Protein backbone atom coordinates (compact mmCIF):
# COMPACT_ATOMS: atom_id res chain seq x y z
CA MET A 1 67.06 71.29 73.27
CA ARG A 2 64.76 68.44 74.22
CA VAL A 3 66.68 65.15 74.24
CA VAL A 4 65.17 61.68 74.63
CA VAL A 5 67.67 59.21 76.15
CA ALA A 6 67.37 55.42 76.00
CA GLY A 7 69.76 53.58 78.29
CA SER A 8 69.84 56.41 80.82
CA SER A 9 70.46 54.20 83.87
CA GLY A 10 73.83 52.77 82.79
CA LEU A 11 77.33 54.10 83.44
CA ILE A 12 77.38 56.38 80.40
CA GLY A 13 73.67 57.22 80.41
CA THR A 14 73.61 58.39 84.02
CA SER A 15 76.51 60.77 83.46
CA LEU A 16 75.07 61.91 80.14
CA VAL A 17 71.72 62.90 81.65
CA SER A 18 73.51 64.99 84.29
CA ALA A 19 75.74 66.65 81.68
CA LEU A 20 72.83 67.47 79.38
CA ARG A 21 70.87 69.06 82.20
CA ALA A 22 73.93 71.00 83.35
CA ALA A 23 74.17 72.36 79.78
CA GLY A 24 70.56 73.55 79.97
CA HIS A 25 68.87 70.84 77.92
CA ASP A 26 65.53 69.21 78.76
CA VAL A 27 65.93 65.42 79.13
CA VAL A 28 63.31 62.70 78.76
CA ARG A 29 64.41 59.24 79.97
CA LEU A 30 63.00 56.09 78.40
CA VAL A 31 62.44 53.32 80.96
CA ARG A 32 61.26 49.72 80.53
CA ARG A 33 59.21 49.76 83.74
CA ALA A 34 56.23 51.85 84.69
CA PRO A 35 57.31 55.52 84.69
CA SER A 36 57.65 56.92 88.20
CA ALA A 37 59.03 60.43 87.61
CA PRO A 38 57.91 63.39 85.49
CA ASP A 39 60.89 63.04 83.14
CA GLU A 40 60.28 59.32 82.42
CA ARG A 41 58.40 57.68 79.55
CA GLY A 42 57.81 53.95 79.22
CA TRP A 43 58.77 51.74 76.32
CA ASP A 44 58.86 48.07 75.41
CA PRO A 45 61.33 47.49 72.54
CA PRO A 46 60.41 43.83 71.79
CA ALA A 47 56.78 44.89 71.46
CA GLY A 48 57.70 48.03 69.50
CA ARG A 49 55.78 50.20 72.00
CA ILE A 50 56.70 53.70 73.20
CA ASP A 51 54.45 55.94 75.31
CA ASP A 52 52.44 58.50 73.39
CA GLY A 53 53.89 62.00 73.45
CA THR A 54 57.46 60.84 74.08
CA PHE A 55 58.83 62.56 70.99
CA ASP A 56 56.71 65.70 71.09
CA GLY A 57 59.10 68.60 70.53
CA ALA A 58 62.16 66.33 70.63
CA ASP A 59 65.31 67.69 68.98
CA ALA A 60 67.44 64.56 69.42
CA VAL A 61 67.29 60.94 70.52
CA VAL A 62 70.28 59.21 72.15
CA ASN A 63 70.34 55.43 71.95
CA LEU A 64 72.61 53.68 74.46
CA GLY A 65 72.36 50.31 76.14
CA GLY A 66 72.63 46.63 75.31
CA VAL A 67 73.57 43.69 77.53
CA GLY A 68 77.20 43.35 78.58
CA ILE A 69 79.58 41.67 76.15
CA GLY A 70 82.21 40.54 78.64
CA ASP A 71 80.33 39.55 81.79
CA ARG A 72 79.23 36.07 80.65
CA PRO A 73 80.60 33.37 78.34
CA TRP A 74 79.58 33.65 74.70
CA SER A 75 77.13 30.78 74.47
CA GLY A 76 74.77 30.70 71.52
CA SER A 77 71.98 32.22 73.59
CA ARG A 78 74.26 34.91 74.98
CA LYS A 79 75.40 35.90 71.50
CA GLN A 80 71.79 36.22 70.43
CA ALA A 81 71.03 38.35 73.48
CA ILE A 82 73.99 40.63 72.64
CA ARG A 83 72.61 41.10 69.13
CA ASP A 84 68.93 41.46 70.04
CA SER A 85 69.53 43.88 72.91
CA ARG A 86 71.16 46.27 70.43
CA ASN A 87 69.43 45.73 67.12
CA VAL A 88 65.80 45.60 68.29
CA PRO A 89 65.78 48.82 70.40
CA THR A 90 67.82 50.65 67.76
CA GLU A 91 65.39 49.79 64.99
CA VAL A 92 62.40 50.75 67.16
CA LEU A 93 63.95 54.14 67.93
CA ALA A 94 65.06 54.72 64.34
CA ARG A 95 61.50 54.11 63.12
CA ALA A 96 60.13 56.45 65.79
CA VAL A 97 62.63 59.15 64.78
CA ALA A 98 61.47 58.77 61.19
CA GLU A 99 57.77 58.76 62.08
CA HIS A 100 57.92 61.80 64.36
CA GLY A 101 60.41 63.84 62.32
CA VAL A 102 63.06 64.06 65.05
CA PRO A 103 66.07 65.82 63.46
CA THR A 104 68.89 63.84 65.14
CA LEU A 105 69.61 60.28 66.27
CA VAL A 106 72.84 59.59 68.18
CA SER A 107 73.26 55.84 68.45
CA GLY A 108 75.76 53.51 70.10
CA SER A 109 78.34 51.32 68.39
CA ALA A 110 81.92 50.32 69.26
CA VAL A 111 85.47 50.17 67.91
CA GLY A 112 84.94 46.42 67.67
CA TYR A 113 83.52 47.36 64.25
CA TYR A 114 87.10 47.28 62.93
CA GLY A 115 87.85 43.73 64.08
CA ASP A 116 91.54 43.01 64.67
CA ALA A 117 93.15 46.03 63.00
CA GLY A 118 96.71 45.30 64.10
CA ASP A 119 98.94 48.32 64.57
CA ARG A 120 97.55 50.46 61.75
CA ALA A 121 95.67 53.59 62.76
CA VAL A 122 92.00 53.39 61.79
CA THR A 123 89.77 56.39 61.21
CA GLU A 124 86.04 56.35 60.53
CA SER A 125 86.62 55.64 56.82
CA ALA A 126 88.30 52.28 57.55
CA PRO A 127 86.37 49.15 56.51
CA SER A 128 84.76 46.79 58.99
CA GLY A 129 86.79 43.81 60.14
CA GLY A 130 86.03 40.20 60.92
CA GLY A 131 84.72 38.47 64.02
CA PHE A 132 81.56 38.33 66.08
CA LEU A 133 81.86 41.84 67.53
CA ALA A 134 82.45 43.36 64.09
CA ASP A 135 79.30 41.60 62.87
CA VAL A 136 77.36 42.92 65.89
CA CYS A 137 78.50 46.49 65.26
CA ARG A 138 77.67 46.36 61.55
CA ASP A 139 74.14 45.16 62.27
CA TRP A 140 73.77 47.63 65.15
CA GLU A 141 74.67 50.54 62.90
CA ALA A 142 72.53 49.24 60.03
CA ALA A 143 69.48 49.23 62.34
CA THR A 144 69.52 53.05 62.27
CA ALA A 145 68.66 53.03 58.54
CA PRO A 146 64.97 54.04 58.92
CA ALA A 147 66.09 57.31 60.55
CA SER A 148 68.71 58.21 57.95
CA GLU A 149 66.38 57.23 55.10
CA ALA A 150 63.82 59.67 56.51
CA GLY A 151 66.40 62.48 56.43
CA ALA A 152 67.47 62.52 60.09
CA ARG A 153 71.07 63.24 61.00
CA VAL A 154 72.48 59.99 62.39
CA VAL A 155 75.68 59.86 64.48
CA LEU A 156 77.17 56.42 65.17
CA LEU A 157 79.26 56.35 68.35
CA ARG A 158 82.11 53.86 67.82
CA THR A 159 83.15 53.87 71.46
CA GLY A 160 86.43 52.55 72.86
CA LEU A 161 87.16 51.12 76.32
CA VAL A 162 85.61 53.50 78.84
CA LEU A 163 87.84 54.40 81.81
CA SER A 164 85.91 55.49 84.90
CA ARG A 165 86.25 55.32 88.67
CA SER A 166 82.68 54.01 88.93
CA GLY A 167 82.62 51.21 86.36
CA GLY A 168 83.53 50.29 82.81
CA LEU A 169 86.78 48.49 82.05
CA LEU A 170 88.49 49.33 85.34
CA ALA A 171 85.86 48.03 87.77
CA PRO A 172 86.96 44.36 87.58
CA MET A 173 90.58 45.18 86.77
CA LYS A 174 91.22 47.17 89.95
CA VAL A 175 90.26 44.23 92.15
CA VAL A 176 92.72 41.97 90.34
CA TRP A 177 95.48 44.53 90.40
CA ARG A 178 95.13 45.29 94.09
CA LEU A 179 95.84 41.60 94.69
CA CYS A 180 99.08 42.13 92.71
CA LEU A 181 97.78 39.86 89.95
CA GLY A 182 97.77 42.41 87.14
CA ALA A 183 99.28 41.13 83.92
CA ARG A 184 100.01 41.88 80.31
CA LEU A 185 97.73 40.01 77.91
CA GLY A 186 99.41 37.88 75.27
CA THR A 187 102.25 39.76 73.57
CA GLY A 188 100.87 43.06 74.83
CA ARG A 189 101.34 44.54 71.37
CA GLN A 190 97.60 44.76 70.59
CA TYR A 191 96.29 48.32 70.64
CA MET A 192 93.56 49.35 73.07
CA SER A 193 91.48 52.39 72.18
CA TRP A 194 90.45 53.95 75.48
CA VAL A 195 88.33 56.96 76.38
CA SER A 196 87.66 58.60 79.73
CA LEU A 197 84.05 58.72 80.88
CA ASP A 198 84.21 62.53 80.88
CA ASP A 199 85.25 62.55 77.23
CA GLU A 200 82.72 59.87 76.26
CA VAL A 201 79.91 61.99 77.69
CA GLY A 202 81.42 65.19 76.34
CA ALA A 203 81.59 63.71 72.85
CA ILE A 204 77.91 62.70 72.95
CA VAL A 205 76.83 66.18 74.05
CA PHE A 206 79.10 67.63 71.36
CA ALA A 207 77.47 65.39 68.73
CA ILE A 208 74.00 66.54 69.78
CA GLU A 209 74.93 70.21 69.69
CA HIS A 210 76.97 70.22 66.44
CA PRO A 211 74.81 69.53 63.37
CA GLU A 212 77.84 69.31 61.09
CA LEU A 213 78.81 66.00 62.71
CA SER A 214 77.18 62.89 61.22
CA GLY A 215 77.92 59.30 60.33
CA PRO A 216 80.43 57.12 62.20
CA VAL A 217 82.44 58.83 64.94
CA ASN A 218 85.29 57.18 66.82
CA VAL A 219 84.70 58.09 70.47
CA THR A 220 88.20 57.39 71.76
CA GLY A 221 91.10 59.22 73.31
CA PRO A 222 93.47 60.85 70.79
CA THR A 223 96.40 58.57 71.74
CA PRO A 224 95.57 54.84 71.67
CA VAL A 225 98.07 52.64 73.49
CA THR A 226 99.15 49.02 73.41
CA ASN A 227 98.09 46.60 76.09
CA ARG A 228 101.70 46.61 77.31
CA GLU A 229 101.64 50.39 77.79
CA LEU A 230 98.20 50.35 79.41
CA THR A 231 99.41 47.65 81.82
CA ARG A 232 102.50 49.64 82.73
CA THR A 233 100.52 52.87 83.22
CA LEU A 234 97.82 51.23 85.32
CA ALA A 235 100.46 49.56 87.51
CA LYS A 236 102.01 52.96 88.20
CA ALA A 237 98.61 54.59 88.89
CA LEU A 238 97.66 51.85 91.40
CA GLY A 239 101.13 51.54 92.91
CA ARG A 240 101.23 47.83 92.16
CA PRO A 241 103.77 45.66 90.33
CA ALA A 242 102.96 44.11 86.96
CA PRO A 243 105.46 41.27 86.58
CA PHE A 244 103.18 38.76 84.88
CA ALA A 245 101.92 37.99 81.39
CA VAL A 246 99.00 35.77 80.48
CA PRO A 247 99.95 33.76 77.37
CA ALA A 248 97.57 34.04 74.44
CA VAL A 249 97.14 30.26 74.38
CA VAL A 250 95.80 30.37 77.95
CA ILE A 251 93.36 33.17 77.11
CA ARG A 252 92.09 31.26 74.08
CA SER A 253 91.77 27.95 75.92
CA VAL A 254 89.94 29.45 78.93
CA LEU A 255 87.78 32.13 77.31
CA GLY A 256 87.60 30.93 73.71
CA GLU A 257 86.22 33.32 71.10
CA MET A 258 85.34 35.93 73.72
CA GLY A 259 88.92 36.05 75.02
CA GLU A 260 90.34 36.19 71.50
CA GLU A 261 88.21 39.14 70.42
CA MET A 262 88.01 41.13 73.64
CA LEU A 263 91.56 40.67 74.95
CA LEU A 264 93.78 39.82 71.99
CA PHE A 265 92.20 41.73 69.11
CA GLY A 266 93.36 45.33 68.86
CA GLN A 267 92.06 48.56 67.35
CA ARG A 268 94.21 51.67 67.05
CA ALA A 269 91.14 53.87 66.50
CA VAL A 270 91.76 57.60 66.05
CA PRO A 271 88.94 60.14 66.70
CA LYS A 272 89.43 62.00 63.42
CA ALA A 273 85.80 63.08 62.97
CA LEU A 274 85.61 64.56 66.47
CA LEU A 275 88.93 66.37 66.18
CA ASP A 276 88.10 67.73 62.72
CA ALA A 277 84.81 69.09 64.12
CA GLY A 278 86.67 70.94 66.90
CA PHE A 279 86.15 68.62 69.87
CA ARG A 280 88.83 68.89 72.54
CA HIS A 281 89.46 66.04 74.95
CA ARG A 282 89.67 66.66 78.66
CA HIS A 283 92.04 63.69 78.98
CA GLU A 284 94.44 63.48 76.06
CA THR A 285 96.66 60.68 77.36
CA VAL A 286 95.91 57.37 79.06
CA THR A 287 98.03 58.55 82.00
CA GLU A 288 95.66 61.48 82.57
CA ALA A 289 92.58 59.29 82.13
CA LEU A 290 93.79 56.61 84.54
CA ALA A 291 94.86 59.18 87.12
CA ALA A 292 91.31 60.56 87.08
CA ALA A 293 89.77 57.09 87.19
CA VAL A 294 91.74 55.53 90.04
């Protein structure tokens, strides 16, 4: 198939492009600079501009990207950037999919959609929760409406915490842990829905290739774990002790709303839609995923 990928230079996008080509698909990469390679096409989301011919013969569009949610404090301007960097490109692509009759749009979202779900398992049918990130995810998913209204198959990737040796959640954590400063967060009872980079990419390719899959899809490992268990497993994988705990009150006082939602909220998201469609994870446990990542 011919697949147009937005966000192809990030952690997930780079691996996805390689995986798609390895599977025999033709990939077109959308870039926000002047195209410099035969497989690149330019676009400017704020201006609503995409190079002519980008969607000629396209079978699917993959929409990744958005500014980081945890690399800067959540000031008012940063919150707006988090929203705009997701909603604006998504709406531009959804309208292009509708205009050019592209059959499939696979678009990013996150398990933050569920807010603080406690210890209950949440599948794709669970309602959205409260908080800034839940609001962001709802709007992000809603921005795909022009594509679905035009009859395109839309897959919404509610991604968990990506575990990879080259980035994602573990990049900053490994530095801290190698200084023997790794710690449980708050009570440690909040669930963390993880996914290995291999399975994240595999799930996206699977979604492109399987037309029976549509709507929200939890892209997570099949066995979510608590922060306490993730801490213990990472300590073992890195060969470092984990004797500390950071009290919730410290996290809230230092990081505010960002710390509350990113570190203390929990989602026990289960990938029911993927499993029902026949997807099989390469890494079924967090122990396997961390061993591959570190």
